[in-house]
Amino acid sequence: AGKTESTKLILQHLAAVSGQHSWIEQQILEANPILEAFGNAKTIRNDNSSRFGKFIDVHFDADGAIEGARIEQYLLEKSRIAYQANSERNYHVFYRLLVGCTDGEKKALGVSKAEDYVYLTAGDCITLPGVDDAEEWQRIRGAMKILGFGEDMQWQIFELVAACLHLGNIEFEKLTVDNMDASEITNTKCLRDSCKLLKVEEDALQEALTSRSTFARGEVIVTRLSSSDAVDVRDAFVKAIYGRVFIWIVDRINKAIYKPKSDPSKKRYSIGVLDIFGFEN
């Protein structure tokens, strides 16, 4: 329907008519490549579909100059992280990280090519026609610098994104313990790579993925999970990680582009732009 593209054009128009060509205007415009990388994906009908809703409130002073903005995000489609329909992709950032990082960065993250990851192959669609993911990756990195994401901050985000891919490749073997279904992780390398990036102990993560703790009457009851239940726990864990990263990125962007009023008694004008997803069907 063109909602996302219309939103970008509206923001570009507002920046142009303000006539200031200021740094804050540039920062507001550069938020788009970052939000699209982490919140947009290829669907059957759209190569760059927003899978979350956003409301952008652009603030102006009495002379019509842009003072700042604030972004609200809604309802990120976290189910896409673990599964995509046929001919659809996961979020752009996964593919762009894998083709855009240097060999040294890939080695540090322990990543390879998109075809090697369960979370990126469910839809049997790796590339986008007419789009260079490596080039888009450089654009994302440039936008992050403009919005104040330092090198260390960027790297921590990339570690979490890569950790999601390693977690998705963890496999579970079905076991029987005390006549009850249980499971254990079979590919320990994926577990080890995940723990390295998440900065957690292997035993702790393995226990979290293959068992459930219940508090009852002051006691802790540990129940082993079946292999199918462990897969569900793994997927829920990854969705939670990615969802928290996305919320944090939006908050970090807001810290860069939102400017509180210097004078509380001074009137501030605003124009709100709503881009909501979910109308493709």
C-alpha atoms as a PDB file:
ATOM      1  CA  ALA A   1       0.000   0.000   0.000  1.00  0.00           C
ATOM      2  CA  GLY A   2       3.022   2.311   0.273  1.00  0.00           C
ATOM      3  CA  LYS A   3       2.642   3.388   3.912  1.00  0.00           C
ATOM      4  CA  THR A   4       6.332   3.103   4.784  1.00  0.00           C
ATOM      5  CA  GLU A   5       7.504   4.849   1.626  1.00  0.00           C
ATOM      6  CA  SER A   6       4.919   7.588   2.163  1.00  0.00           C
ATOM      7  CA  THR A   7       6.183   8.050   5.717  1.00  0.00           C
ATOM      8  CA  LYS A   8       9.747   8.518   4.465  1.00  0.00           C
ATOM      9  CA  LEU A   9       8.613  11.030   1.834  1.00  0.00           C
ATOM     10  CA  ILE A  10       6.597  12.977   4.399  1.00  0.00           C
ATOM     11  CA  LEU A  11       9.606  13.200   6.723  1.00  0.00           C
ATOM     12  CA  GLN A  12      11.851  14.298   3.847  1.00  0.00           C
ATOM     13  CA  HIS A  13       9.275  16.936   2.872  1.00  0.00           C
ATOM     14  CA  LEU A  14       8.997  18.269   6.432  1.00  0.00           C
ATOM     15  CA  ALA A  15      12.784  18.521   6.648  1.00  0.00           C
ATOM     16  CA  ALA A  16      12.952  20.307   3.286  1.00  0.00           C
ATOM     17  CA  VAL A  17      10.219  22.879   3.942  1.00  0.00           C
ATOM     18  CA  SER A  18      11.673  23.786   7.342  1.00  0.00           C
ATOM     19  CA  GLY A  19      14.585  25.212   5.345  1.00  0.00           C
ATOM     20  CA  GLN A  20      17.178  24.668   8.099  1.00  0.00           C
ATOM     21  CA  HIS A  21      19.133  21.627   6.843  1.00  0.00           C
ATOM     22  CA  SER A  22      20.173  21.081  10.454  1.00  0.00           C
ATOM     23  CA  TRP A  23      21.948  18.167  12.134  1.00  0.00           C
ATOM     24  CA  ILE A  24      18.761  17.166  13.989  1.00  0.00           C
ATOM     25  CA  GLU A  25      16.895  16.910  10.679  1.00  0.00           C
ATOM     26  CA  GLN A  26      19.631  14.639   9.335  1.00  0.00           C
ATOM     27  CA  GLN A  27      19.444  12.469  12.454  1.00  0.00           C
ATOM     28  CA  ILE A  28      15.665  12.093  12.139  1.00  0.00           C
ATOM     29  CA  LEU A  29      15.986  10.993   8.510  1.00  0.00           C
ATOM     30  CA  GLU A  30      18.838   8.575   9.327  1.00  0.00           C
ATOM     31  CA  ALA A  31      16.654   6.762  11.874  1.00  0.00           C
ATOM     32  CA  ASN A  32      14.803   5.128   8.957  1.00  0.00           C
ATOM     33  CA  PRO A  33      17.599   2.818   7.689  1.00  0.00           C
ATOM     34  CA  ILE A  34      18.129   1.479  11.212  1.00  0.00           C
ATOM     35  CA  LEU A  35      14.440   0.909  11.944  1.00  0.00           C
ATOM     36  CA  GLU A  36      13.939  -0.758   8.571  1.00  0.00           C
ATOM     37  CA  ALA A  37      16.906  -3.074   9.082  1.00  0.00           C
ATOM     38  CA  PHE A  38      15.632  -4.348  12.426  1.00  0.00           C
ATOM     39  CA  GLY A  39      11.869  -4.054  11.839  1.00  0.00           C
ATOM     40  CA  ASN A  40      11.266  -4.665   8.120  1.00  0.00           C
ATOM     41  CA  ALA A  41      11.332  -7.874   6.089  1.00  0.00           C
ATOM     42  CA  LYS A  42      10.426  -9.303   2.711  1.00  0.00           C
ATOM     43  CA  THR A  43       6.891 -10.683   2.552  1.00  0.00           C
ATOM     44  CA  ILE A  44       5.078 -12.279  -0.378  1.00  0.00           C
ATOM     45  CA  ARG A  45       3.599  -8.919  -1.415  1.00  0.00           C
ATOM     46  CA  ASN A  46       6.312  -6.472  -0.358  1.00  0.00           C
ATOM     47  CA  ASP A  47      10.119  -6.597  -0.395  1.00  0.00           C
ATOM     48  CA  ASN A  48      10.390  -4.057   2.435  1.00  0.00           C
ATOM     49  CA  SER A  49       7.351  -4.589   4.624  1.00  0.00           C
ATOM     50  CA  SER A  50       7.217  -2.962   8.056  1.00  0.00           C
ATOM     51  CA  ARG A  51       6.572  -5.680  10.622  1.00  0.00           C
ATOM     52  CA  PHE A  52       5.920  -3.203  13.429  1.00  0.00           C
ATOM     53  CA  GLY A  53       3.958  -0.009  13.864  1.00  0.00           C
ATOM     54  CA  LYS A  54       5.512   3.363  14.531  1.00  0.00           C
ATOM     55  CA  PHE A  55       4.306   6.843  15.377  1.00  0.00           C
ATOM     56  CA  ILE A  56       6.768   9.658  14.684  1.00  0.00           C
ATOM     57  CA  ASP A  57       6.019  12.962  16.404  1.00  0.00           C
ATOM     58  CA  VAL A  58       8.034  15.741  14.728  1.00  0.00           C
ATOM     59  CA  HIS A  59       8.470  18.919  16.818  1.00  0.00           C
ATOM     60  CA  PHE A  60       8.746  22.458  15.434  1.00  0.00           C
ATOM     61  CA  ASP A  61       9.486  25.847  16.937  1.00  0.00           C
ATOM     62  CA  ALA A  62       7.393  28.966  16.294  1.00  0.00           C
ATOM     63  CA  ASP A  63       9.401  29.702  13.130  1.00  0.00           C
ATOM     64  CA  GLY A  64       8.702  26.291  11.602  1.00  0.00           C
ATOM     65  CA  ALA A  65      12.182  24.863  12.178  1.00  0.00           C
ATOM     66  CA  ILE A  66      12.401  21.229  13.290  1.00  0.00           C
ATOM     67  CA  GLU A  67      13.496  21.007  16.937  1.00  0.00           C
ATOM     68  CA  GLY A  68      13.434  17.256  17.310  1.00  0.00           C
ATOM     69  CA  ALA A  69      11.196  14.199  17.190  1.00  0.00           C
ATOM     70  CA  ARG A  70      10.060  11.198  19.183  1.00  0.00           C
ATOM     71  CA  ILE A  71       9.332   7.680  17.925  1.00  0.00           C
ATOM     72  CA  GLU A  72       6.862   5.229  19.472  1.00  0.00           C
ATOM     73  CA  GLN A  73       7.006   1.598  18.321  1.00  0.00           C
ATOM     74  CA  TYR A  74       4.222  -0.972  18.499  1.00  0.00           C
ATOM     75  CA  LEU A  75       3.798  -4.730  18.174  1.00  0.00           C
ATOM     76  CA  LEU A  76       6.966  -6.019  16.527  1.00  0.00           C
ATOM     77  CA  GLU A  77       6.165  -9.298  14.739  1.00  0.00           C
ATOM     78  CA  LYS A  78       8.457 -11.523  16.798  1.00  0.00           C
ATOM     79  CA  SER A  79       7.092 -14.781  15.351  1.00  0.00           C
ATOM     80  CA  ARG A  80       8.983 -13.964  12.128  1.00  0.00           C
ATOM     81  CA  ILE A  81      12.305 -14.442  13.914  1.00  0.00           C
ATOM     82  CA  ALA A  82      11.778 -18.194  14.277  1.00  0.00           C
ATOM     83  CA  TYR A  83       9.655 -18.888  11.197  1.00  0.00           C
ATOM     84  CA  GLN A  84       8.909 -17.342   7.797  1.00  0.00           C
ATOM     85  CA  ALA A  85       6.324 -18.357   5.208  1.00  0.00           C
ATOM     86  CA  ASN A  86       7.476 -19.574   1.815  1.00  0.00           C
ATOM     87  CA  SER A  87       9.159 -16.844  -0.296  1.00  0.00           C
ATOM     88  CA  GLU A  88       9.523 -14.574   2.742  1.00  0.00           C
ATOM     89  CA  ARG A  89      12.626 -13.488   4.687  1.00  0.00           C
ATOM     90  CA  ASN A  90      13.500 -12.849   8.274  1.00  0.00           C
ATOM     91  CA  TYR A  91      14.392  -9.271   9.290  1.00  0.00           C
ATOM     92  CA  HIS A  92      16.819  -7.549   6.921  1.00  0.00           C
ATOM     93  CA  VAL A  93      19.526  -7.064   9.556  1.00  0.00           C
ATOM     94  CA  PHE A  94      20.391 -10.776   9.713  1.00  0.00           C
ATOM     95  CA  TYR A  95      21.219 -11.083   6.011  1.00  0.00           C
ATOM     96  CA  ARG A  96      22.961  -7.713   5.861  1.00  0.00           C
ATOM     97  CA  LEU A  97      25.178  -8.499   8.819  1.00  0.00           C
ATOM     98  CA  LEU A  98      26.290 -11.775   7.226  1.00  0.00           C
ATOM     99  CA  VAL A  99      27.271 -10.221   3.887  1.00  0.00           C
ATOM    100  CA  GLY A 100      28.392  -6.810   5.161  1.00  0.00           C
ATOM    101  CA  CYS A 101      30.756  -7.659   8.009  1.00  0.00           C
ATOM    102  CA  THR A 102      34.461  -8.012   7.347  1.00  0.00           C
ATOM    103  CA  ASP A 103      36.090 -11.444   7.529  1.00  0.00           C
ATOM    104  CA  GLY A 104      37.564 -10.488  10.903  1.00  0.00           C
ATOM    105  CA  GLU A 105      34.163  -9.447  12.263  1.00  0.00           C
ATOM    106  CA  LYS A 106      32.553 -12.642  10.983  1.00  0.00           C
ATOM    107  CA  LYS A 107      35.235 -14.713  12.673  1.00  0.00           C
ATOM    108  CA  ALA A 108      34.714 -12.882  15.970  1.00  0.00           C
ATOM    109  CA  LEU A 109      30.969 -13.451  15.726  1.00  0.00           C
ATOM    110  CA  GLY A 110      31.401 -17.038  14.563  1.00  0.00           C
ATOM    111  CA  VAL A 111      29.039 -16.531  11.617  1.00  0.00           C
ATOM    112  CA  SER A 112      29.115 -17.725   8.014  1.00  0.00           C
ATOM    113  CA  LYS A 113      26.493 -17.454   5.239  1.00  0.00           C
ATOM    114  CA  ALA A 114      22.712 -17.162   5.502  1.00  0.00           C
ATOM    115  CA  GLU A 115      22.118 -20.641   4.089  1.00  0.00           C
ATOM    116  CA  ASP A 116      23.711 -22.128   7.222  1.00  0.00           C
ATOM    117  CA  TYR A 117      21.053 -20.844   9.640  1.00  0.00           C
ATOM    118  CA  VAL A 118      17.678 -22.398  10.392  1.00  0.00           C
ATOM    119  CA  TYR A 119      16.097 -19.039  11.168  1.00  0.00           C
ATOM    120  CA  LEU A 120      17.023 -17.659   7.728  1.00  0.00           C
ATOM    121  CA  THR A 121      16.039 -20.539   5.473  1.00  0.00           C
ATOM    122  CA  ALA A 122      12.437 -21.407   6.413  1.00  0.00           C
ATOM    123  CA  GLY A 123      11.068 -19.209   3.624  1.00  0.00           C
ATOM    124  CA  ASP A 124      13.590 -20.476   1.051  1.00  0.00           C
ATOM    125  CA  CYS A 125      14.449 -16.866   0.174  1.00  0.00           C
ATOM    126  CA  ILE A 126      17.896 -15.431   0.897  1.00  0.00           C
ATOM    127  CA  THR A 127      18.359 -12.458  -1.436  1.00  0.00           C
ATOM    128  CA  LEU A 128      16.215  -9.546  -2.615  1.00  0.00           C
ATOM    129  CA  PRO A 129      16.074  -8.716  -6.349  1.00  0.00           C
ATOM    130  CA  GLY A 130      17.680  -5.358  -7.034  1.00  0.00           C
ATOM    131  CA  VAL A 131      18.921  -4.895  -3.446  1.00  0.00           C
ATOM    132  CA  ASP A 132      22.581  -5.128  -2.402  1.00  0.00           C
ATOM    133  CA  ASP A 133      22.512  -6.228   1.259  1.00  0.00           C
ATOM    134  CA  ALA A 134      26.240  -5.460   1.671  1.00  0.00           C
ATOM    135  CA  GLU A 135      25.700  -1.898   0.482  1.00  0.00           C
ATOM    136  CA  GLU A 136      22.671  -1.522   2.740  1.00  0.00           C
ATOM    137  CA  TRP A 137      24.811  -2.739   5.669  1.00  0.00           C
ATOM    138  CA  GLN A 138      27.234   0.136   5.157  1.00  0.00           C
ATOM    139  CA  ARG A 139      24.290   2.525   5.112  1.00  0.00           C
ATOM    140  CA  ILE A 140      23.077   1.099   8.438  1.00  0.00           C
ATOM    141  CA  ARG A 141      26.526   1.503   9.985  1.00  0.00           C
ATOM    142  CA  GLY A 142      26.702   5.103   8.755  1.00  0.00           C
ATOM    143  CA  ALA A 143      23.259   5.900  10.146  1.00  0.00           C
ATOM    144  CA  MET A 144      24.230   4.442  13.519  1.00  0.00           C
ATOM    145  CA  LYS A 145      27.260   6.727  13.705  1.00  0.00           C
ATOM    146  CA  ILE A 146      25.136   9.782  12.904  1.00  0.00           C
ATOM    147  CA  LEU A 147      22.699   8.843  15.668  1.00  0.00           C
ATOM    148  CA  GLY A 148      25.418   8.432  18.274  1.00  0.00           C
ATOM    149  CA  PHE A 149      25.813   4.649  18.360  1.00  0.00           C
ATOM    150  CA  GLY A 150      29.476   4.233  19.311  1.00  0.00           C
ATOM    151  CA  GLU A 151      31.618   1.402  17.952  1.00  0.00           C
ATOM    152  CA  ASP A 152      31.338  -0.591  21.198  1.00  0.00           C
ATOM    153  CA  MET A 153      27.588  -0.085  21.284  1.00  0.00           C
ATOM    154  CA  GLN A 154      27.224  -1.227  17.681  1.00  0.00           C
ATOM    155  CA  TRP A 155      29.331  -4.310  18.321  1.00  0.00           C
ATOM    156  CA  GLN A 156      27.211  -5.325  21.313  1.00  0.00           C
ATOM    157  CA  ILE A 157      24.108  -5.139  19.106  1.00  0.00           C
ATOM    158  CA  PHE A 158      25.781  -7.251  16.420  1.00  0.00           C
ATOM    159  CA  GLU A 159      26.801  -9.833  19.023  1.00  0.00           C
ATOM    160  CA  LEU A 160      23.176 -10.224  20.107  1.00  0.00           C
ATOM    161  CA  VAL A 161      21.961 -10.483  16.505  1.00  0.00           C
ATOM    162  CA  ALA A 162      24.566 -13.176  15.774  1.00  0.00           C
ATOM    163  CA  ALA A 163      23.694 -14.965  19.025  1.00  0.00           C
ATOM    164  CA  CYS A 164      20.090 -15.266  17.806  1.00  0.00           C
ATOM    165  CA  LEU A 165      21.334 -17.123  14.720  1.00  0.00           C
ATOM    166  CA  HIS A 166      23.510 -19.510  16.736  1.00  0.00           C
ATOM    167  CA  LEU A 167      20.670 -20.210  19.170  1.00  0.00           C
ATOM    168  CA  GLY A 168      18.362 -21.027  16.267  1.00  0.00           C
ATOM    169  CA  ASN A 169      20.759 -23.763  15.142  1.00  0.00           C
ATOM    170  CA  ILE A 170      20.786 -25.519  18.519  1.00  0.00           C
ATOM    171  CA  GLU A 171      19.285 -29.009  18.194  1.00  0.00           C
ATOM    172  CA  PHE A 172      17.830 -31.232  20.898  1.00  0.00           C
ATOM    173  CA  GLU A 173      17.925 -35.003  21.207  1.00  0.00           C
ATOM    174  CA  LYS A 174      15.003 -36.849  22.753  1.00  0.00           C
ATOM    175  CA  LEU A 175      15.822 -38.706  25.987  1.00  0.00           C
ATOM    176  CA  THR A 176      13.965 -40.627  28.666  1.00  0.00           C
ATOM    177  CA  VAL A 177      14.931 -39.935  32.279  1.00  0.00           C
ATOM    178  CA  ASP A 178      13.104 -41.715  35.113  1.00  0.00           C
ATOM    179  CA  ASN A 179      10.435 -42.807  32.616  1.00  0.00           C
ATOM    180  CA  MET A 180       9.780 -39.199  31.622  1.00  0.00           C
ATOM    181  CA  ASP A 181      10.537 -37.279  28.433  1.00  0.00           C
ATOM    182  CA  ALA A 182      13.713 -35.197  28.544  1.00  0.00           C
ATOM    183  CA  SER A 183      16.203 -33.677  26.109  1.00  0.00           C
ATOM    184  CA  GLU A 184      19.785 -32.636  25.694  1.00  0.00           C
ATOM    185  CA  ILE A 185      21.641 -30.369  23.285  1.00  0.00           C
ATOM    186  CA  THR A 186      23.453 -32.318  20.574  1.00  0.00           C
ATOM    187  CA  ASN A 187      25.426 -29.646  18.696  1.00  0.00           C
ATOM    188  CA  THR A 188      27.530 -28.162  21.458  1.00  0.00           C
ATOM    189  CA  LYS A 189      29.377 -25.794  19.106  1.00  0.00           C
ATOM    190  CA  CYS A 190      26.214 -23.745  18.568  1.00  0.00           C
ATOM    191  CA  LEU A 191      25.711 -23.688  22.336  1.00  0.00           C
ATOM    192  CA  ARG A 192      29.310 -22.597  22.867  1.00  0.00           C
ATOM    193  CA  ASP A 193      29.099 -19.849  20.219  1.00  0.00           C
ATOM    194  CA  SER A 194      25.838 -18.579  21.703  1.00  0.00           C
ATOM    195  CA  CYS A 195      27.269 -18.447  25.219  1.00  0.00           C
ATOM    196  CA  LYS A 196      30.376 -16.612  24.034  1.00  0.00           C
ATOM    197  CA  LEU A 197      28.288 -13.826  22.492  1.00  0.00           C
ATOM    198  CA  LEU A 198      25.732 -13.692  25.324  1.00  0.00           C
ATOM    199  CA  LYS A 199      28.496 -13.735  27.974  1.00  0.00           C
ATOM    200  CA  VAL A 200      26.876 -16.594  29.913  1.00  0.00           C
ATOM    201  CA  GLU A 201      28.064 -19.998  31.142  1.00  0.00           C
ATOM    202  CA  GLU A 202      27.343 -23.016  28.924  1.00  0.00           C
ATOM    203  CA  ASP A 203      25.922 -25.113  31.773  1.00  0.00           C
ATOM    204  CA  ALA A 204      23.552 -22.301  32.774  1.00  0.00           C
ATOM    205  CA  LEU A 205      22.179 -21.823  29.244  1.00  0.00           C
ATOM    206  CA  GLN A 206      21.844 -25.554  28.649  1.00  0.00           C
ATOM    207  CA  GLU A 207      19.929 -25.930  31.901  1.00  0.00           C
ATOM    208  CA  ALA A 208      17.661 -23.007  31.013  1.00  0.00           C
ATOM    209  CA  LEU A 209      16.833 -24.486  27.596  1.00  0.00           C
ATOM    210  CA  THR A 210      16.227 -28.083  28.700  1.00  0.00           C
ATOM    211  CA  SER A 211      14.479 -27.743  32.054  1.00  0.00           C
ATOM    212  CA  ARG A 212      11.785 -25.783  33.833  1.00  0.00           C
ATOM    213  CA  SER A 213      11.866 -24.640  37.467  1.00  0.00           C
ATOM    214  CA  THR A 214       8.635 -24.366  39.447  1.00  0.00           C
ATOM    215  CA  PHE A 215       8.290 -22.825  42.900  1.00  0.00           C
ATOM    216  CA  ALA A 216       5.739 -24.628  45.076  1.00  0.00           C
ATOM    217  CA  ARG A 217       5.323 -24.477  48.845  1.00  0.00           C
ATOM    218  CA  GLY A 218       8.766 -23.021  49.326  1.00  0.00           C
ATOM    219  CA  GLU A 219      10.466 -25.672  47.198  1.00  0.00           C
ATOM    220  CA  VAL A 220      12.011 -25.505  43.744  1.00  0.00           C
ATOM    221  CA  ILE A 221      10.879 -28.345  41.492  1.00  0.00           C
ATOM    222  CA  VAL A 222      12.987 -28.900  38.375  1.00  0.00           C
ATOM    223  CA  THR A 223      11.246 -30.624  35.467  1.00  0.00           C
ATOM    224  CA  ARG A 224      13.070 -31.863  32.378  1.00  0.00           C
ATOM    225  CA  LEU A 225      11.678 -30.645  29.046  1.00  0.00           C
ATOM    226  CA  SER A 226      10.929 -32.844  26.059  1.00  0.00           C
ATOM    227  CA  SER A 227      12.783 -32.049  22.829  1.00  0.00           C
ATOM    228  CA  SER A 228       9.730 -30.315  21.331  1.00  0.00           C
ATOM    229  CA  ASP A 229       9.232 -28.221  24.471  1.00  0.00           C
ATOM    230  CA  ALA A 230      12.937 -27.310  24.456  1.00  0.00           C
ATOM    231  CA  VAL A 231      12.602 -26.039  20.873  1.00  0.00           C
ATOM    232  CA  ASP A 232       9.679 -23.843  21.964  1.00  0.00           C
ATOM    233  CA  VAL A 233      11.721 -22.484  24.888  1.00  0.00           C
ATOM    234  CA  ARG A 234      14.686 -21.782  22.596  1.00  0.00           C
ATOM    235  CA  ASP A 235      12.485 -19.887  20.125  1.00  0.00           C
ATOM    236  CA  ALA A 236      10.792 -17.895  22.892  1.00  0.00           C
ATOM    237  CA  PHE A 237      14.195 -16.982  24.327  1.00  0.00           C
ATOM    238  CA  VAL A 238      15.440 -15.701  20.955  1.00  0.00           C
ATOM    239  CA  LYS A 239      12.247 -13.723  20.357  1.00  0.00           C
ATOM    240  CA  ALA A 240      12.671 -12.084  23.759  1.00  0.00           C
ATOM    241  CA  ILE A 241      16.298 -11.162  23.045  1.00  0.00           C
ATOM    242  CA  TYR A 242      15.483  -9.657  19.655  1.00  0.00           C
ATOM    243  CA  GLY A 243      12.438  -7.830  20.988  1.00  0.00           C
ATOM    244  CA  ARG A 244      14.469  -6.234  23.775  1.00  0.00           C
ATOM    245  CA  VAL A 245      17.221  -5.234  21.330  1.00  0.00           C
ATOM    246  CA  PHE A 246      14.635  -3.578  19.081  1.00  0.00           C
ATOM    247  CA  ILE A 247      13.057  -1.620  21.939  1.00  0.00           C
ATOM    248  CA  TRP A 248      16.503  -0.538  23.143  1.00  0.00           C
ATOM    249  CA  ILE A 249      17.466   0.685  19.651  1.00  0.00           C
ATOM    250  CA  VAL A 250      14.300   2.806  19.420  1.00  0.00           C
ATOM    251  CA  ASP A 251      15.004   4.251  22.877  1.00  0.00           C
ATOM    252  CA  ARG A 252      18.589   5.037  21.856  1.00  0.00           C
ATOM    253  CA  ILE A 253      17.386   6.803  18.700  1.00  0.00           C
ATOM    254  CA  ASN A 254      14.971   8.852  20.803  1.00  0.00           C
ATOM    255  CA  LYS A 255      17.816   9.950  23.059  1.00  0.00           C
ATOM    256  CA  ALA A 256      19.516  11.401  19.983  1.00  0.00           C
ATOM    257  CA  ILE A 257      16.535  13.091  18.312  1.00  0.00           C
ATOM    258  CA  TYR A 258      14.293  14.137  21.210  1.00  0.00           C
ATOM    259  CA  LYS A 259      15.007  17.571  22.673  1.00  0.00           C
ATOM    260  CA  PRO A 260      13.054  18.630  25.783  1.00  0.00           C
ATOM    261  CA  LYS A 261      11.672  22.141  25.739  1.00  0.00           C
ATOM    262  CA  SER A 262      14.222  24.634  27.052  1.00  0.00           C
ATOM    263  CA  ASP A 263      11.408  26.889  28.241  1.00  0.00           C
ATOM    264  CA  PRO A 264       8.347  25.005  29.636  1.00  0.00           C
ATOM    265  CA  SER A 265       6.140  28.055  29.009  1.00  0.00           C
ATOM    266  CA  LYS A 266       7.115  28.185  25.330  1.00  0.00           C
ATOM    267  CA  LYS A 267       4.638  26.638  22.888  1.00  0.00           C
ATOM    268  CA  ARG A 268       5.812  23.698  20.794  1.00  0.00           C
ATOM    269  CA  TYR A 269       4.151  22.609  17.559  1.00  0.00           C
ATOM    270  CA  SER A 270       4.158  19.087  16.210  1.00  0.00           C
ATOM    271  CA  ILE A 271       3.069  16.913  13.288  1.00  0.00           C
ATOM    272  CA  GLY A 272       2.488  13.210  13.891  1.00  0.00           C
ATOM    273  CA  VAL A 273       3.069  10.559  11.253  1.00  0.00           C
ATOM    274  CA  LEU A 274       1.625   7.070  11.835  1.00  0.00           C
ATOM    275  CA  ASP A 275       2.946   4.041   9.941  1.00  0.00           C
ATOM    276  CA  ILE A 276       1.108   0.923  11.088  1.00  0.00           C
ATOM    277  CA  PHE A 277       1.595  -2.541   9.635  1.00  0.00           C
ATOM    278  CA  GLY A 278      -0.810  -5.399   9.099  1.00  0.00           C
ATOM    279  CA  PHE A 279      -2.981  -4.469   6.107  1.00  0.00           C
ATOM    280  CA  GLU A 280      -1.378  -6.676   3.469  1.00  0.00           C
ATOM    281  CA  ASN A 281      -4.052  -9.347   3.871  1.00  0.00           C
END
